[in-house]
Amino acid sequence: QMQLEESGGGSVQAGGSLRLSCVSSSHIYNCIGWFRQSPGKEREGVASIYAGAGNGNSLYADSVKGRFTISQDKANAAAFLQMNTLKPEDTAMYYCAAGQSRTWAGGRWSCNLSQGEFPYWGQGTQVTVAS
């Protein structure tokens, strides 16, 4: 059973930055995704990155494009989410997730930001952005 562990959450002022990390107990996955959930809201996809063999894309939710960057360290089965220009509406519990499902389009693999595509989840790390 793959295990994922997030770290790096915290409290920052609006406009600040945080870098979230996710470490997996296994290298056997094609996709890593970051999701978030605020109180009273449904969990939403934030960013995904293709981690398997061959060329792949990173995908972002419209709300974070240009501010968040997903990256990975394949050798160490780790993924990261660099979050810049944080806004109060970014306040949420952030979850790392991993899975095998991938989509082929335009000569590259990508990972849909759909919760159902990710069977393995971490416990989450809280991000709080003060106005």
C-alpha atoms as a PDB file:
ATOM      1  CA  GLN A   1       0.000   0.000   0.000  1.00  0.00           C
ATOM      2  CA  MET A   2       1.547   3.258  -1.141  1.00  0.00           C
ATOM      3  CA  GLN A   3       1.835   5.936   1.532  1.00  0.00           C
ATOM      4  CA  LEU A   4       2.147   9.649   0.917  1.00  0.00           C
ATOM      5  CA  GLU A   5       3.238  12.290   3.391  1.00  0.00           C
ATOM      6  CA  GLU A   6       2.852  16.018   2.900  1.00  0.00           C
ATOM      7  CA  SER A   7       4.747  18.792   4.638  1.00  0.00           C
ATOM      8  CA  GLY A   8       5.384  22.498   4.304  1.00  0.00           C
ATOM      9  CA  GLY A   9       2.026  23.968   5.212  1.00  0.00           C
ATOM     10  CA  GLY A  10       1.699  26.938   7.513  1.00  0.00           C
ATOM     11  CA  SER A  11       0.331  30.426   7.981  1.00  0.00           C
ATOM     12  CA  VAL A  12       1.376  33.329   5.780  1.00  0.00           C
ATOM     13  CA  GLN A  13       0.225  36.813   4.911  1.00  0.00           C
ATOM     14  CA  ALA A  14      -1.473  37.460   1.583  1.00  0.00           C
ATOM     15  CA  GLY A  15       1.142  37.842  -1.127  1.00  0.00           C
ATOM     16  CA  GLY A  16       3.481  35.415   0.581  1.00  0.00           C
ATOM     17  CA  SER A  17       4.815  32.050  -0.547  1.00  0.00           C
ATOM     18  CA  LEU A  18       4.900  28.487   0.671  1.00  0.00           C
ATOM     19  CA  ARG A  19       6.412  25.308  -0.749  1.00  0.00           C
ATOM     20  CA  LEU A  20       4.619  22.061  -0.088  1.00  0.00           C
ATOM     21  CA  SER A  21       6.396  18.725  -0.298  1.00  0.00           C
ATOM     22  CA  CYS A  22       5.067  15.220  -0.791  1.00  0.00           C
ATOM     23  CA  VAL A  23       7.092  12.063  -0.318  1.00  0.00           C
ATOM     24  CA  SER A  24       5.870   8.674  -1.495  1.00  0.00           C
ATOM     25  CA  SER A  25       6.804   5.283  -0.087  1.00  0.00           C
ATOM     26  CA  SER A  26       6.788   3.873  -3.631  1.00  0.00           C
ATOM     27  CA  HIS A  27       8.033   4.867  -7.097  1.00  0.00           C
ATOM     28  CA  ILE A  28       5.199   2.978  -8.792  1.00  0.00           C
ATOM     29  CA  TYR A  29       2.876   5.701 -10.027  1.00  0.00           C
ATOM     30  CA  ASN A  30       2.338   7.685 -13.218  1.00  0.00           C
ATOM     31  CA  CYS A  31       0.694  10.748 -11.752  1.00  0.00           C
ATOM     32  CA  ILE A  32       0.999  13.012  -8.760  1.00  0.00           C
ATOM     33  CA  GLY A  33      -1.684  15.540  -7.970  1.00  0.00           C
ATOM     34  CA  TRP A  34      -2.250  18.250  -5.426  1.00  0.00           C
ATOM     35  CA  PHE A  35      -5.795  18.854  -4.223  1.00  0.00           C
ATOM     36  CA  ARG A  36      -7.257  21.183  -1.625  1.00  0.00           C
ATOM     37  CA  GLN A  37     -10.379  21.442   0.474  1.00  0.00           C
ATOM     38  CA  SER A  38     -11.726  24.400   2.414  1.00  0.00           C
ATOM     39  CA  PRO A  39     -14.380  24.072   5.150  1.00  0.00           C
ATOM     40  CA  GLY A  40     -17.814  23.716   3.590  1.00  0.00           C
ATOM     41  CA  LYS A  41     -16.431  23.246   0.098  1.00  0.00           C
ATOM     42  CA  GLU A  42     -15.771  20.247  -2.075  1.00  0.00           C
ATOM     43  CA  ARG A  43     -12.227  19.084  -2.597  1.00  0.00           C
ATOM     44  CA  GLU A  44     -10.785  20.520  -5.813  1.00  0.00           C
ATOM     45  CA  GLY A  45      -7.809  19.717  -7.990  1.00  0.00           C
ATOM     46  CA  VAL A  46      -4.973  22.241  -7.898  1.00  0.00           C
ATOM     47  CA  ALA A  47      -2.173  20.805 -10.023  1.00  0.00           C
ATOM     48  CA  SER A  48      -0.973  17.528 -11.468  1.00  0.00           C
ATOM     49  CA  ILE A  49       2.257  16.302 -12.995  1.00  0.00           C
ATOM     50  CA  TYR A  50       3.067  13.243 -15.092  1.00  0.00           C
ATOM     51  CA  ALA A  51       5.661  11.118 -13.339  1.00  0.00           C
ATOM     52  CA  GLY A  52       5.927   8.103 -15.625  1.00  0.00           C
ATOM     53  CA  ALA A  53       8.122   7.273 -18.604  1.00  0.00           C
ATOM     54  CA  GLY A  54       7.966   9.497 -21.661  1.00  0.00           C
ATOM     55  CA  ASN A  55       7.006  13.132 -22.092  1.00  0.00           C
ATOM     56  CA  GLY A  56       4.277  14.563 -19.930  1.00  0.00           C
ATOM     57  CA  ASN A  57       2.431  17.717 -19.012  1.00  0.00           C
ATOM     58  CA  SER A  58       1.618  19.556 -15.860  1.00  0.00           C
ATOM     59  CA  LEU A  59      -1.925  20.786 -15.425  1.00  0.00           C
ATOM     60  CA  TYR A  60      -3.238  23.578 -13.218  1.00  0.00           C
ATOM     61  CA  ALA A  61      -6.595  24.789 -12.018  1.00  0.00           C
ATOM     62  CA  ASP A  62      -7.438  28.170 -13.497  1.00  0.00           C
ATOM     63  CA  SER A  63      -7.480  29.709 -10.032  1.00  0.00           C
ATOM     64  CA  VAL A  64      -3.773  29.003  -9.479  1.00  0.00           C
ATOM     65  CA  LYS A  65      -2.280  29.358 -12.973  1.00  0.00           C
ATOM     66  CA  GLY A  66       0.681  31.693 -12.953  1.00  0.00           C
ATOM     67  CA  ARG A  67       1.009  31.507  -9.160  1.00  0.00           C
ATOM     68  CA  PHE A  68       1.560  27.833  -8.359  1.00  0.00           C
ATOM     69  CA  THR A  69       4.168  25.517  -9.843  1.00  0.00           C
ATOM     70  CA  ILE A  70       4.222  21.745  -9.481  1.00  0.00           C
ATOM     71  CA  SER A  71       7.514  19.879  -9.768  1.00  0.00           C
ATOM     72  CA  GLN A  72       8.989  16.518  -8.869  1.00  0.00           C
ATOM     73  CA  ASP A  73      12.107  14.635  -7.885  1.00  0.00           C
ATOM     74  CA  LYS A  74      11.577  11.245  -9.506  1.00  0.00           C
ATOM     75  CA  ALA A  75      14.690   9.702  -7.979  1.00  0.00           C
ATOM     76  CA  ASN A  76      13.368  10.346  -4.492  1.00  0.00           C
ATOM     77  CA  ALA A  77       9.661   9.793  -5.261  1.00  0.00           C
ATOM     78  CA  ALA A  78       8.888  13.333  -4.190  1.00  0.00           C
ATOM     79  CA  ALA A  79       6.715  16.114  -5.540  1.00  0.00           C
ATOM     80  CA  PHE A  80       6.453  19.762  -4.679  1.00  0.00           C
ATOM     81  CA  LEU A  81       3.984  22.613  -4.981  1.00  0.00           C
ATOM     82  CA  GLN A  82       5.515  26.077  -4.996  1.00  0.00           C
ATOM     83  CA  MET A  83       2.805  28.562  -4.125  1.00  0.00           C
ATOM     84  CA  ASN A  84       3.470  32.252  -4.735  1.00  0.00           C
ATOM     85  CA  THR A  85       1.331  35.355  -4.414  1.00  0.00           C
ATOM     86  CA  LEU A  86      -0.939  33.539  -2.014  1.00  0.00           C
ATOM     87  CA  LYS A  87      -4.462  34.818  -1.488  1.00  0.00           C
ATOM     88  CA  PRO A  88      -6.864  34.315   1.448  1.00  0.00           C
ATOM     89  CA  GLU A  89      -8.992  32.129  -0.828  1.00  0.00           C
ATOM     90  CA  ASP A  90      -6.063  29.708  -1.079  1.00  0.00           C
ATOM     91  CA  THR A  91      -6.640  28.804   2.562  1.00  0.00           C
ATOM     92  CA  ALA A  92      -7.364  25.079   2.678  1.00  0.00           C
ATOM     93  CA  MET A  93      -6.109  21.666   3.618  1.00  0.00           C
ATOM     94  CA  TYR A  94      -3.798  20.574   0.820  1.00  0.00           C
ATOM     95  CA  TYR A  95      -3.531  16.912  -0.115  1.00  0.00           C
ATOM     96  CA  CYS A  96      -1.025  15.034  -2.218  1.00  0.00           C
ATOM     97  CA  ALA A  97      -2.366  12.107  -4.241  1.00  0.00           C
ATOM     98  CA  ALA A  98      -0.875   9.479  -6.547  1.00  0.00           C
ATOM     99  CA  GLY A  99      -2.251   7.166  -9.183  1.00  0.00           C
ATOM    100  CA  GLN A 100      -1.644   5.289 -12.400  1.00  0.00           C
ATOM    101  CA  SER A 101      -4.322   6.729 -14.681  1.00  0.00           C
ATOM    102  CA  ARG A 102      -3.012   8.947 -17.480  1.00  0.00           C
ATOM    103  CA  THR A 103      -4.290  10.505 -20.695  1.00  0.00           C
ATOM    104  CA  TRP A 104      -2.501  10.621 -24.062  1.00  0.00           C
ATOM    105  CA  ALA A 105      -3.012  13.724 -26.159  1.00  0.00           C
ATOM    106  CA  GLY A 106      -0.856  15.750 -28.498  1.00  0.00           C
ATOM    107  CA  GLY A 107       2.100  13.434 -28.133  1.00  0.00           C
ATOM    108  CA  ARG A 108       2.332  13.772 -24.371  1.00  0.00           C
ATOM    109  CA  TRP A 109       0.888  12.160 -21.265  1.00  0.00           C
ATOM    110  CA  SER A 110      -1.121  14.172 -18.790  1.00  0.00           C
ATOM    111  CA  CYS A 111      -2.880  13.511 -15.504  1.00  0.00           C
ATOM    112  CA  ASN A 112      -6.469  14.653 -15.125  1.00  0.00           C
ATOM    113  CA  LEU A 113      -7.280  16.696 -12.047  1.00  0.00           C
ATOM    114  CA  SER A 114     -10.010  14.316 -11.043  1.00  0.00           C
ATOM    115  CA  GLN A 115     -10.090  12.818  -7.565  1.00  0.00           C
ATOM    116  CA  GLY A 116     -11.291   9.497  -8.902  1.00  0.00           C
ATOM    117  CA  GLU A 117      -8.075   9.051 -10.868  1.00  0.00           C
ATOM    118  CA  PHE A 118      -6.012   9.031  -7.671  1.00  0.00           C
ATOM    119  CA  PRO A 119      -6.420   6.057  -5.312  1.00  0.00           C
ATOM    120  CA  TYR A 120      -3.625   6.994  -2.923  1.00  0.00           C
ATOM    121  CA  TRP A 121      -3.807  10.031  -0.643  1.00  0.00           C
ATOM    122  CA  GLY A 122      -1.779  11.704   2.070  1.00  0.00           C
ATOM    123  CA  GLN A 123      -3.209  13.071   5.317  1.00  0.00           C
ATOM    124  CA  GLY A 124      -2.955  16.684   4.210  1.00  0.00           C
ATOM    125  CA  THR A 125      -1.148  19.824   5.315  1.00  0.00           C
ATOM    126  CA  GLN A 126      -2.949  23.032   6.317  1.00  0.00           C
ATOM    127  CA  VAL A 127      -2.304  26.290   4.489  1.00  0.00           C
ATOM    128  CA  THR A 128      -3.723  29.472   5.984  1.00  0.00           C
ATOM    129  CA  VAL A 129      -3.414  32.824   4.238  1.00  0.00           C
ATOM    130  CA  ALA A 130      -4.251  35.914   6.248  1.00  0.00           C
ATOM    131  CA  SER A 131      -5.504  39.072   4.566  1.00  0.00           C
END
